[in-house]
Amino acid sequence: MKNSNCPVCATGNLVEHNELDAINYKNQSLSVEIEYSVCTECGEEMIVPDQIKRNDCRIRDAWRKADGMLTGIEIQALRKQLNLTQKEAANLFGGGTNAFSKYERGEVIQSESMDKLMRLALEKQPIVVLDWLSTHYGIQTGRTGQYGNIIKFKSKKVDSEFEMIDFNDVRYG
């Protein structure tokens, strides 16, 4: 944050500081880095609007982590590993036009079912899940190949009708 004039004394400059704060959530204490500003003249401490927004996002990410859900950074990494834009991810998984942008910035916490679907798409069988979503909802991603560089790596016959795909060695990105 740029130094700005203090709204209290109007003469000093605001200097940004960060410190860990304990937040109570579901009977547990979470440690969250909080931003605030201090005036160089009057010493008044305050949290300005941009800092409030960033602090709120950090708190929501701490809540997600405590609930065992993906954080904004993890959702962004997942989307990029699947080689999807935010719009493509929103079209495939649902949640609205700007959903993934808001999830990734920490402005909105995804539902538990959305979190499960995203994890399923990445961790278990990405080709099967993404192909099914795309085919079922008629969504095109605009990538060369349906999902860019997601490639079936290994498969082994389970019985005569079904084939099980092992994605443990698949690399994304």
N, C-alpha and C. Protein backbone atom coordinates (compact mmCIF):
# COMPACT_ATOMS: atom_id res chain seq x y z
N MET A 1 0.84 -1.18 0.00
CA MET A 1 0.00 0.00 0.00
C MET A 1 0.88 1.23 0.00
N LYS A 2 0.52 2.25 -0.78
CA LYS A 2 1.24 3.51 -0.79
C LYS A 2 0.98 4.23 0.52
N ASN A 3 1.98 5.00 0.93
CA ASN A 3 1.75 5.85 2.09
C ASN A 3 0.69 6.87 1.73
N SER A 4 -0.25 7.08 2.62
CA SER A 4 -1.29 8.08 2.39
C SER A 4 -1.46 8.89 3.66
N ASN A 5 -2.15 10.00 3.53
CA ASN A 5 -2.36 10.85 4.69
C ASN A 5 -3.32 10.19 5.67
N CYS A 6 -3.07 10.44 6.92
CA CYS A 6 -3.89 9.88 7.99
C CYS A 6 -5.25 10.57 8.01
N PRO A 7 -6.34 9.82 8.02
CA PRO A 7 -7.67 10.44 8.08
C PRO A 7 -8.00 11.02 9.46
N VAL A 8 -7.19 10.69 10.48
CA VAL A 8 -7.44 11.19 11.83
C VAL A 8 -6.78 12.56 12.02
N CYS A 9 -5.44 12.64 11.78
CA CYS A 9 -4.73 13.90 12.03
C CYS A 9 -4.48 14.70 10.74
N ALA A 10 -4.61 14.08 9.59
CA ALA A 10 -4.44 14.70 8.27
C ALA A 10 -3.01 15.16 7.98
N THR A 11 -2.06 14.90 8.88
CA THR A 11 -0.68 15.32 8.62
C THR A 11 0.28 14.15 8.49
N GLY A 12 0.04 13.09 9.20
CA GLY A 12 0.94 11.94 9.17
C GLY A 12 0.69 11.03 7.99
N ASN A 13 1.62 10.15 7.77
CA ASN A 13 1.49 9.13 6.72
C ASN A 13 1.13 7.80 7.36
N LEU A 14 0.38 7.00 6.64
CA LEU A 14 0.03 5.65 7.11
C LEU A 14 1.09 4.67 6.65
N VAL A 15 1.56 3.85 7.58
CA VAL A 15 2.55 2.82 7.28
C VAL A 15 1.89 1.47 7.54
N GLU A 16 1.99 0.60 6.55
CA GLU A 16 1.35 -0.72 6.64
C GLU A 16 2.14 -1.66 7.54
N HIS A 17 1.41 -2.44 8.34
CA HIS A 17 1.98 -3.45 9.22
C HIS A 17 1.19 -4.74 9.05
N ASN A 18 1.83 -5.86 9.40
CA ASN A 18 1.18 -7.17 9.40
C ASN A 18 1.48 -7.84 10.73
N GLU A 19 0.50 -8.53 11.26
CA GLU A 19 0.75 -9.35 12.45
C GLU A 19 -0.24 -10.49 12.50
N LEU A 20 0.18 -11.57 13.15
CA LEU A 20 -0.69 -12.72 13.30
C LEU A 20 -1.74 -12.41 14.35
N ASP A 21 -2.97 -12.80 14.04
CA ASP A 21 -4.08 -12.61 14.97
C ASP A 21 -4.80 -13.95 15.12
N ALA A 22 -5.30 -14.21 16.32
CA ALA A 22 -6.05 -15.44 16.56
C ALA A 22 -7.52 -15.18 16.28
N ILE A 23 -8.10 -16.02 15.45
CA ILE A 23 -9.51 -15.93 15.08
C ILE A 23 -10.20 -17.19 15.59
N ASN A 24 -11.30 -17.04 16.31
CA ASN A 24 -12.06 -18.20 16.77
C ASN A 24 -13.01 -18.65 15.68
N TYR A 25 -12.97 -19.95 15.38
CA TYR A 25 -13.84 -20.52 14.35
C TYR A 25 -14.18 -21.94 14.75
N LYS A 26 -15.46 -22.22 14.93
CA LYS A 26 -15.94 -23.56 15.28
C LYS A 26 -15.15 -24.16 16.44
N ASN A 27 -15.05 -23.41 17.50
CA ASN A 27 -14.38 -23.84 18.73
C ASN A 27 -12.90 -24.14 18.56
N GLN A 28 -12.27 -23.52 17.57
CA GLN A 28 -10.83 -23.64 17.43
C GLN A 28 -10.23 -22.28 17.15
N SER A 29 -8.99 -22.11 17.48
CA SER A 29 -8.28 -20.86 17.26
C SER A 29 -7.45 -20.97 16.00
N LEU A 30 -7.70 -20.07 15.05
CA LEU A 30 -6.95 -20.06 13.80
C LEU A 30 -6.02 -18.85 13.80
N SER A 31 -4.82 -19.03 13.31
CA SER A 31 -3.86 -17.94 13.22
C SER A 31 -3.92 -17.36 11.81
N VAL A 32 -4.22 -16.05 11.71
CA VAL A 32 -4.36 -15.38 10.42
C VAL A 32 -3.52 -14.11 10.42
N GLU A 33 -2.78 -13.90 9.33
CA GLU A 33 -2.01 -12.66 9.20
C GLU A 33 -2.95 -11.53 8.81
N ILE A 34 -2.98 -10.50 9.63
CA ILE A 34 -3.88 -9.35 9.44
C ILE A 34 -3.05 -8.12 9.11
N GLU A 35 -3.51 -7.34 8.12
CA GLU A 35 -2.87 -6.08 7.75
C GLU A 35 -3.58 -4.94 8.47
N TYR A 36 -2.80 -3.94 8.84
CA TYR A 36 -3.35 -2.71 9.39
C TYR A 36 -2.35 -1.59 9.14
N SER A 37 -2.74 -0.35 9.40
CA SER A 37 -1.86 0.80 9.18
C SER A 37 -1.72 1.60 10.47
N VAL A 38 -0.57 2.25 10.59
CA VAL A 38 -0.29 3.11 11.74
C VAL A 38 0.17 4.46 11.21
N CYS A 39 -0.37 5.54 11.79
CA CYS A 39 0.00 6.89 11.41
C CYS A 39 1.36 7.25 12.01
N THR A 40 2.22 7.87 11.19
CA THR A 40 3.56 8.26 11.65
C THR A 40 3.52 9.45 12.61
N GLU A 41 2.45 10.22 12.61
CA GLU A 41 2.35 11.40 13.47
C GLU A 41 1.58 11.14 14.75
N CYS A 42 0.32 10.71 14.61
CA CYS A 42 -0.54 10.56 15.79
C CYS A 42 -0.51 9.15 16.39
N GLY A 43 0.06 8.20 15.66
CA GLY A 43 0.17 6.83 16.15
C GLY A 43 -1.12 6.04 16.11
N GLU A 44 -2.15 6.60 15.50
CA GLU A 44 -3.45 5.91 15.41
C GLU A 44 -3.32 4.67 14.53
N GLU A 45 -3.89 3.57 15.00
CA GLU A 45 -3.93 2.33 14.22
C GLU A 45 -5.29 2.21 13.56
N MET A 46 -5.28 1.77 12.31
CA MET A 46 -6.54 1.61 11.58
C MET A 46 -6.39 0.56 10.50
N ILE A 47 -7.53 0.05 10.06
CA ILE A 47 -7.56 -0.86 8.92
C ILE A 47 -8.34 -0.14 7.83
N VAL A 48 -7.64 0.14 6.73
CA VAL A 48 -8.25 0.88 5.63
C VAL A 48 -9.02 -0.10 4.73
N PRO A 49 -9.93 0.41 3.88
CA PRO A 49 -10.80 -0.48 3.08
C PRO A 49 -10.09 -1.57 2.28
N ASP A 50 -8.98 -1.28 1.61
CA ASP A 50 -8.27 -2.32 0.84
C ASP A 50 -7.74 -3.40 1.76
N GLN A 51 -7.29 -3.01 2.95
CA GLN A 51 -6.79 -3.99 3.91
C GLN A 51 -7.93 -4.84 4.46
N ILE A 52 -9.08 -4.24 4.66
CA ILE A 52 -10.25 -5.00 5.13
C ILE A 52 -10.56 -6.11 4.14
N LYS A 53 -10.55 -5.76 2.86
CA LYS A 53 -10.85 -6.73 1.81
C LYS A 53 -9.84 -7.88 1.83
N ARG A 54 -8.54 -7.55 1.89
CA ARG A 54 -7.51 -8.60 1.91
C ARG A 54 -7.60 -9.43 3.19
N ASN A 55 -7.85 -8.79 4.32
CA ASN A 55 -7.99 -9.51 5.59
C ASN A 55 -9.17 -10.48 5.54
N ASP A 56 -10.29 -10.02 4.99
CA ASP A 56 -11.47 -10.89 4.87
C ASP A 56 -11.16 -12.12 4.02
N CYS A 57 -10.41 -11.94 2.93
CA CYS A 57 -10.03 -13.07 2.07
C CYS A 57 -9.14 -14.05 2.83
N ARG A 58 -8.20 -13.53 3.61
CA ARG A 58 -7.32 -14.41 4.40
C ARG A 58 -8.11 -15.19 5.44
N ILE A 59 -9.08 -14.53 6.06
CA ILE A 59 -9.91 -15.19 7.07
C ILE A 59 -10.75 -16.29 6.42
N ARG A 60 -11.35 -16.01 5.26
CA ARG A 60 -12.13 -17.03 4.57
C ARG A 60 -11.25 -18.23 4.18
N ASP A 61 -10.02 -17.97 3.75
CA ASP A 61 -9.12 -19.08 3.42
C ASP A 61 -8.78 -19.90 4.67
N ALA A 62 -8.62 -19.23 5.82
CA ALA A 62 -8.36 -19.96 7.07
C ALA A 62 -9.57 -20.83 7.44
N TRP A 63 -10.77 -20.30 7.23
CA TRP A 63 -12.00 -21.09 7.48
C TRP A 63 -12.02 -22.31 6.57
N ARG A 64 -11.73 -22.10 5.27
CA ARG A 64 -11.74 -23.21 4.31
C ARG A 64 -10.77 -24.29 4.76
N LYS A 65 -9.55 -23.86 5.12
CA LYS A 65 -8.52 -24.81 5.53
C LYS A 65 -8.99 -25.59 6.76
N ALA A 66 -9.59 -24.89 7.72
CA ALA A 66 -10.08 -25.54 8.94
C ALA A 66 -11.18 -26.55 8.62
N ASP A 67 -11.96 -26.28 7.59
CA ASP A 67 -13.04 -27.18 7.18
C ASP A 67 -12.56 -28.27 6.21
N GLY A 68 -11.26 -28.29 5.90
CA GLY A 68 -10.71 -29.30 4.99
C GLY A 68 -11.04 -29.03 3.54
N MET A 69 -11.30 -27.77 3.20
CA MET A 69 -11.64 -27.40 1.83
C MET A 69 -10.44 -26.75 1.14
N LEU A 70 -10.50 -26.69 -0.18
CA LEU A 70 -9.46 -26.05 -0.97
C LEU A 70 -9.45 -24.54 -0.71
N THR A 71 -8.24 -23.97 -0.61
CA THR A 71 -8.11 -22.51 -0.48
C THR A 71 -8.13 -21.89 -1.87
N GLY A 72 -8.17 -20.58 -1.92
CA GLY A 72 -8.18 -19.87 -3.20
C GLY A 72 -6.98 -20.21 -4.07
N ILE A 73 -5.80 -20.24 -3.48
CA ILE A 73 -4.59 -20.57 -4.22
C ILE A 73 -4.65 -22.01 -4.72
N GLU A 74 -5.17 -22.92 -3.92
CA GLU A 74 -5.28 -24.32 -4.33
C GLU A 74 -6.29 -24.48 -5.46
N ILE A 75 -7.38 -23.72 -5.43
CA ILE A 75 -8.37 -23.79 -6.51
C ILE A 75 -7.75 -23.27 -7.80
N GLN A 76 -6.99 -22.20 -7.71
CA GLN A 76 -6.33 -21.66 -8.90
C GLN A 76 -5.35 -22.68 -9.47
N ALA A 77 -4.56 -23.32 -8.61
CA ALA A 77 -3.60 -24.34 -9.06
C ALA A 77 -4.33 -25.52 -9.70
N LEU A 78 -5.43 -25.96 -9.09
CA LEU A 78 -6.22 -27.06 -9.63
C LEU A 78 -6.73 -26.72 -11.03
N ARG A 79 -7.30 -25.51 -11.17
CA ARG A 79 -7.84 -25.08 -12.46
C ARG A 79 -6.74 -25.04 -13.52
N LYS A 80 -5.58 -24.53 -13.15
CA LYS A 80 -4.47 -24.46 -14.11
C LYS A 80 -3.95 -25.85 -14.46
N GLN A 81 -3.93 -26.77 -13.50
CA GLN A 81 -3.50 -28.14 -13.79
C GLN A 81 -4.45 -28.82 -14.76
N LEU A 82 -5.72 -28.46 -14.69
CA LEU A 82 -6.70 -29.01 -15.62
C LEU A 82 -6.72 -28.25 -16.94
N ASN A 83 -5.87 -27.23 -17.05
CA ASN A 83 -5.73 -26.44 -18.27
C ASN A 83 -7.04 -25.75 -18.67
N LEU A 84 -7.72 -25.18 -17.68
CA LEU A 84 -8.98 -24.49 -17.91
C LEU A 84 -8.86 -23.01 -17.55
N THR A 85 -9.57 -22.17 -18.29
CA THR A 85 -9.70 -20.78 -17.90
C THR A 85 -10.73 -20.70 -16.77
N GLN A 86 -10.83 -19.56 -16.12
CA GLN A 86 -11.84 -19.39 -15.08
C GLN A 86 -13.24 -19.57 -15.65
N LYS A 87 -13.47 -19.04 -16.83
CA LYS A 87 -14.79 -19.15 -17.47
C LYS A 87 -15.10 -20.61 -17.81
N GLU A 88 -14.13 -21.33 -18.36
CA GLU A 88 -14.33 -22.74 -18.69
C GLU A 88 -14.61 -23.56 -17.43
N ALA A 89 -13.86 -23.29 -16.37
CA ALA A 89 -14.08 -24.01 -15.11
C ALA A 89 -15.48 -23.74 -14.58
N ALA A 90 -15.91 -22.49 -14.63
CA ALA A 90 -17.26 -22.14 -14.16
C ALA A 90 -18.32 -22.83 -15.02
N ASN A 91 -18.11 -22.88 -16.33
CA ASN A 91 -19.06 -23.55 -17.21
C ASN A 91 -19.13 -25.05 -16.92
N LEU A 92 -17.98 -25.68 -16.71
CA LEU A 92 -17.94 -27.13 -16.47
C LEU A 92 -18.46 -27.51 -15.09
N PHE A 93 -17.99 -26.81 -14.06
CA PHE A 93 -18.33 -27.18 -12.69
C PHE A 93 -19.59 -26.50 -12.17
N GLY A 94 -19.98 -25.38 -12.79
CA GLY A 94 -21.12 -24.61 -12.31
C GLY A 94 -20.67 -23.51 -11.36
N GLY A 95 -21.63 -22.84 -10.76
CA GLY A 95 -21.29 -21.80 -9.80
C GLY A 95 -21.42 -20.39 -10.34
N GLY A 96 -21.70 -20.22 -11.60
CA GLY A 96 -21.89 -18.89 -12.15
C GLY A 96 -20.67 -18.39 -12.90
N THR A 97 -20.90 -17.34 -13.68
CA THR A 97 -19.89 -16.79 -14.59
C THR A 97 -18.60 -16.41 -13.90
N ASN A 98 -18.68 -15.74 -12.76
CA ASN A 98 -17.48 -15.26 -12.07
C ASN A 98 -17.09 -16.11 -10.87
N ALA A 99 -17.68 -17.28 -10.75
CA ALA A 99 -17.47 -18.11 -9.56
C ALA A 99 -16.00 -18.40 -9.29
N PHE A 100 -15.27 -18.88 -10.29
CA PHE A 100 -13.89 -19.28 -10.05
C PHE A 100 -12.99 -18.10 -9.75
N SER A 101 -13.28 -16.97 -10.35
CA SER A 101 -12.53 -15.77 -10.03
C SER A 101 -12.71 -15.41 -8.56
N LYS A 102 -13.93 -15.50 -8.08
CA LYS A 102 -14.23 -15.18 -6.67
C LYS A 102 -13.67 -16.24 -5.73
N TYR A 103 -13.73 -17.51 -6.11
CA TYR A 103 -13.15 -18.57 -5.28
C TYR A 103 -11.64 -18.36 -5.14
N GLU A 104 -10.99 -18.09 -6.27
CA GLU A 104 -9.54 -17.95 -6.28
C GLU A 104 -9.07 -16.72 -5.52
N ARG A 105 -9.82 -15.63 -5.60
CA ARG A 105 -9.45 -14.41 -4.87
C ARG A 105 -9.83 -14.48 -3.39
N GLY A 106 -10.61 -15.49 -3.02
CA GLY A 106 -11.01 -15.64 -1.62
C GLY A 106 -12.22 -14.80 -1.25
N GLU A 107 -12.92 -14.27 -2.23
CA GLU A 107 -14.09 -13.44 -1.96
C GLU A 107 -15.32 -14.28 -1.60
N VAL A 108 -15.34 -15.53 -2.09
CA VAL A 108 -16.47 -16.41 -1.85
C VAL A 108 -15.92 -17.80 -1.51
N ILE A 109 -16.57 -18.46 -0.57
CA ILE A 109 -16.20 -19.83 -0.22
C ILE A 109 -17.09 -20.77 -1.04
N GLN A 110 -16.46 -21.70 -1.74
CA GLN A 110 -17.20 -22.67 -2.54
C GLN A 110 -18.02 -23.57 -1.62
N SER A 111 -19.07 -24.16 -2.17
CA SER A 111 -19.87 -25.11 -1.41
C SER A 111 -19.06 -26.39 -1.19
N GLU A 112 -19.48 -27.17 -0.23
CA GLU A 112 -18.80 -28.44 0.03
C GLU A 112 -18.90 -29.36 -1.19
N SER A 113 -20.05 -29.36 -1.86
CA SER A 113 -20.20 -30.22 -3.04
C SER A 113 -19.31 -29.74 -4.19
N MET A 114 -19.15 -28.43 -4.36
CA MET A 114 -18.25 -27.91 -5.39
C MET A 114 -16.82 -28.31 -5.09
N ASP A 115 -16.44 -28.23 -3.82
CA ASP A 115 -15.10 -28.63 -3.41
C ASP A 115 -14.85 -30.10 -3.74
N LYS A 116 -15.82 -30.94 -3.45
CA LYS A 116 -15.69 -32.37 -3.74
C LYS A 116 -15.58 -32.63 -5.24
N LEU A 117 -16.38 -31.93 -6.04
CA LEU A 117 -16.34 -32.11 -7.49
C LEU A 117 -15.00 -31.68 -8.06
N MET A 118 -14.46 -30.56 -7.58
CA MET A 118 -13.16 -30.11 -8.07
C MET A 118 -12.07 -31.12 -7.72
N ARG A 119 -12.10 -31.63 -6.49
CA ARG A 119 -11.10 -32.63 -6.07
C ARG A 119 -11.24 -33.91 -6.89
N LEU A 120 -12.46 -34.33 -7.13
CA LEU A 120 -12.71 -35.52 -7.93
C LEU A 120 -12.13 -35.34 -9.34
N ALA A 121 -12.38 -34.19 -9.93
CA ALA A 121 -11.92 -33.93 -11.29
C ALA A 121 -10.40 -33.96 -11.39
N LEU A 122 -9.71 -33.55 -10.36
CA LEU A 122 -8.26 -33.53 -10.42
C LEU A 122 -7.62 -34.81 -9.91
N GLU A 123 -8.07 -35.27 -8.77
CA GLU A 123 -7.35 -36.34 -8.07
C GLU A 123 -7.71 -37.75 -8.53
N LYS A 124 -8.92 -37.97 -8.97
CA LYS A 124 -9.33 -39.35 -9.24
C LYS A 124 -9.22 -39.70 -10.72
N GLN A 125 -10.09 -39.18 -11.54
CA GLN A 125 -10.07 -39.52 -12.95
C GLN A 125 -10.40 -38.28 -13.77
N PRO A 126 -9.42 -37.39 -13.97
CA PRO A 126 -9.70 -36.13 -14.64
C PRO A 126 -10.31 -36.26 -16.02
N ILE A 127 -9.82 -37.18 -16.82
CA ILE A 127 -10.35 -37.32 -18.18
C ILE A 127 -11.81 -37.75 -18.13
N VAL A 128 -12.12 -38.73 -17.33
CA VAL A 128 -13.49 -39.24 -17.23
C VAL A 128 -14.43 -38.15 -16.73
N VAL A 129 -14.07 -37.49 -15.65
CA VAL A 129 -14.94 -36.47 -15.05
C VAL A 129 -15.12 -35.29 -15.99
N LEU A 130 -14.03 -34.76 -16.52
CA LEU A 130 -14.13 -33.58 -17.41
C LEU A 130 -14.82 -33.92 -18.72
N ASP A 131 -14.56 -35.10 -19.27
CA ASP A 131 -15.26 -35.51 -20.49
C ASP A 131 -16.75 -35.65 -20.24
N TRP A 132 -17.11 -36.25 -19.10
CA TRP A 132 -18.53 -36.41 -18.79
C TRP A 132 -19.20 -35.06 -18.63
N LEU A 133 -18.59 -34.14 -17.87
CA LEU A 133 -19.17 -32.81 -17.68
C LEU A 133 -19.32 -32.09 -19.02
N SER A 134 -18.29 -32.16 -19.83
CA SER A 134 -18.31 -31.50 -21.13
C SER A 134 -19.39 -32.07 -22.04
N THR A 135 -19.45 -33.40 -22.13
CA THR A 135 -20.43 -34.05 -22.99
C THR A 135 -21.84 -33.85 -22.47
N HIS A 136 -22.03 -34.06 -21.17
CA HIS A 136 -23.36 -33.97 -20.57
C HIS A 136 -23.95 -32.57 -20.70
N TYR A 137 -23.11 -31.55 -20.56
CA TYR A 137 -23.60 -30.17 -20.61
C TYR A 137 -23.28 -29.46 -21.91
N GLY A 138 -22.64 -30.17 -22.88
CA GLY A 138 -22.36 -29.59 -24.19
C GLY A 138 -21.43 -28.40 -24.13
N ILE A 139 -20.43 -28.46 -23.28
CA ILE A 139 -19.53 -27.32 -23.09
C ILE A 139 -18.22 -27.58 -23.82
N GLN A 140 -17.82 -26.64 -24.64
CA GLN A 140 -16.53 -26.71 -25.33
C GLN A 140 -15.54 -25.82 -24.59
N THR A 141 -14.30 -26.28 -24.48
CA THR A 141 -13.29 -25.51 -23.76
C THR A 141 -12.43 -24.65 -24.67
N GLY A 142 -12.44 -24.90 -25.96
CA GLY A 142 -11.61 -24.12 -26.88
C GLY A 142 -10.14 -24.52 -26.86
N ARG A 143 -9.80 -25.62 -26.27
CA ARG A 143 -8.42 -26.11 -26.20
C ARG A 143 -8.16 -27.05 -27.36
N THR A 144 -6.90 -27.20 -27.72
CA THR A 144 -6.55 -28.23 -28.68
C THR A 144 -6.59 -29.55 -27.94
N GLY A 145 -7.30 -30.51 -28.45
CA GLY A 145 -7.57 -31.71 -27.68
C GLY A 145 -8.57 -31.28 -26.63
N GLN A 146 -9.38 -32.16 -26.15
CA GLN A 146 -10.45 -31.71 -25.28
C GLN A 146 -9.96 -31.04 -24.01
N TYR A 147 -8.92 -31.58 -23.40
CA TYR A 147 -8.42 -30.97 -22.17
C TYR A 147 -6.92 -30.76 -22.23
N GLY A 148 -6.45 -30.20 -23.34
CA GLY A 148 -5.06 -29.83 -23.45
C GLY A 148 -4.14 -31.01 -23.23
N ASN A 149 -3.33 -30.94 -22.17
CA ASN A 149 -2.30 -31.96 -21.97
C ASN A 149 -2.68 -33.00 -20.93
N ILE A 150 -3.96 -33.23 -20.68
CA ILE A 150 -4.35 -34.32 -19.79
C ILE A 150 -4.38 -35.59 -20.63
N ILE A 151 -3.59 -36.55 -20.23
CA ILE A 151 -3.40 -37.76 -21.03
C ILE A 151 -3.61 -38.99 -20.17
N LYS A 152 -4.37 -39.95 -20.68
CA LYS A 152 -4.50 -41.23 -19.99
C LYS A 152 -3.13 -41.86 -19.95
N PHE A 153 -2.67 -42.19 -18.78
CA PHE A 153 -1.30 -42.68 -18.61
C PHE A 153 -1.22 -44.20 -18.57
N LYS A 154 -2.01 -44.80 -17.70
CA LYS A 154 -1.98 -46.26 -17.55
C LYS A 154 -3.41 -46.75 -17.47
N SER A 155 -3.63 -47.93 -17.93
CA SER A 155 -4.93 -48.55 -17.71
C SER A 155 -4.72 -50.03 -17.50
N LYS A 156 -5.61 -50.62 -16.76
CA LYS A 156 -5.54 -52.06 -16.56
C LYS A 156 -6.95 -52.61 -16.58
N LYS A 157 -7.09 -53.78 -17.16
CA LYS A 157 -8.40 -54.41 -17.24
C LYS A 157 -8.84 -54.88 -15.87
N VAL A 158 -10.07 -54.51 -15.51
CA VAL A 158 -10.65 -54.98 -14.25
C VAL A 158 -11.50 -56.20 -14.54
N ASP A 159 -12.32 -56.15 -15.56
CA ASP A 159 -13.07 -57.30 -16.05
C ASP A 159 -13.36 -57.06 -17.52
N SER A 160 -14.17 -57.88 -18.11
CA SER A 160 -14.37 -57.77 -19.55
C SER A 160 -15.14 -56.52 -19.97
N GLU A 161 -15.92 -55.92 -19.07
CA GLU A 161 -16.72 -54.76 -19.45
C GLU A 161 -16.08 -53.42 -19.12
N PHE A 162 -15.34 -53.36 -18.05
CA PHE A 162 -14.86 -52.08 -17.56
C PHE A 162 -13.35 -52.01 -17.57
N GLU A 163 -12.86 -50.81 -17.70
CA GLU A 163 -11.44 -50.56 -17.65
C GLU A 163 -11.17 -49.55 -16.54
N MET A 164 -10.22 -49.84 -15.67
CA MET A 164 -9.88 -48.91 -14.60
C MET A 164 -8.64 -48.14 -15.01
N ILE A 165 -8.67 -46.83 -14.86
CA ILE A 165 -7.55 -45.98 -15.26
C ILE A 165 -6.78 -45.58 -14.01
N ASP A 166 -5.48 -45.74 -14.04
CA ASP A 166 -4.62 -45.35 -12.92
C ASP A 166 -3.96 -44.02 -13.26
N PHE A 167 -4.34 -42.95 -12.56
CA PHE A 167 -3.82 -41.63 -12.83
C PHE A 167 -2.74 -41.20 -11.85
N ASN A 168 -2.24 -42.11 -11.05
CA ASN A 168 -1.24 -41.73 -10.07
C ASN A 168 0.02 -41.16 -10.69
N ASP A 169 0.36 -41.59 -11.91
CA ASP A 169 1.57 -41.11 -12.54
C ASP A 169 1.33 -40.00 -13.56
N VAL A 170 0.09 -39.50 -13.66
CA VAL A 170 -0.22 -38.44 -14.62
C VAL A 170 0.33 -37.13 -14.09
N ARG A 171 0.93 -36.35 -14.95
CA ARG A 171 1.44 -35.03 -14.60
C ARG A 171 0.63 -33.98 -15.32
N TYR A 172 0.34 -32.91 -14.65
CA TYR A 172 -0.46 -31.83 -15.23
C TYR A 172 0.38 -30.57 -15.29
N GLY A 173 -0.11 -29.63 -16.09
CA GLY A 173 0.51 -28.30 -16.02
C GLY A 173 1.15 -27.85 -17.25
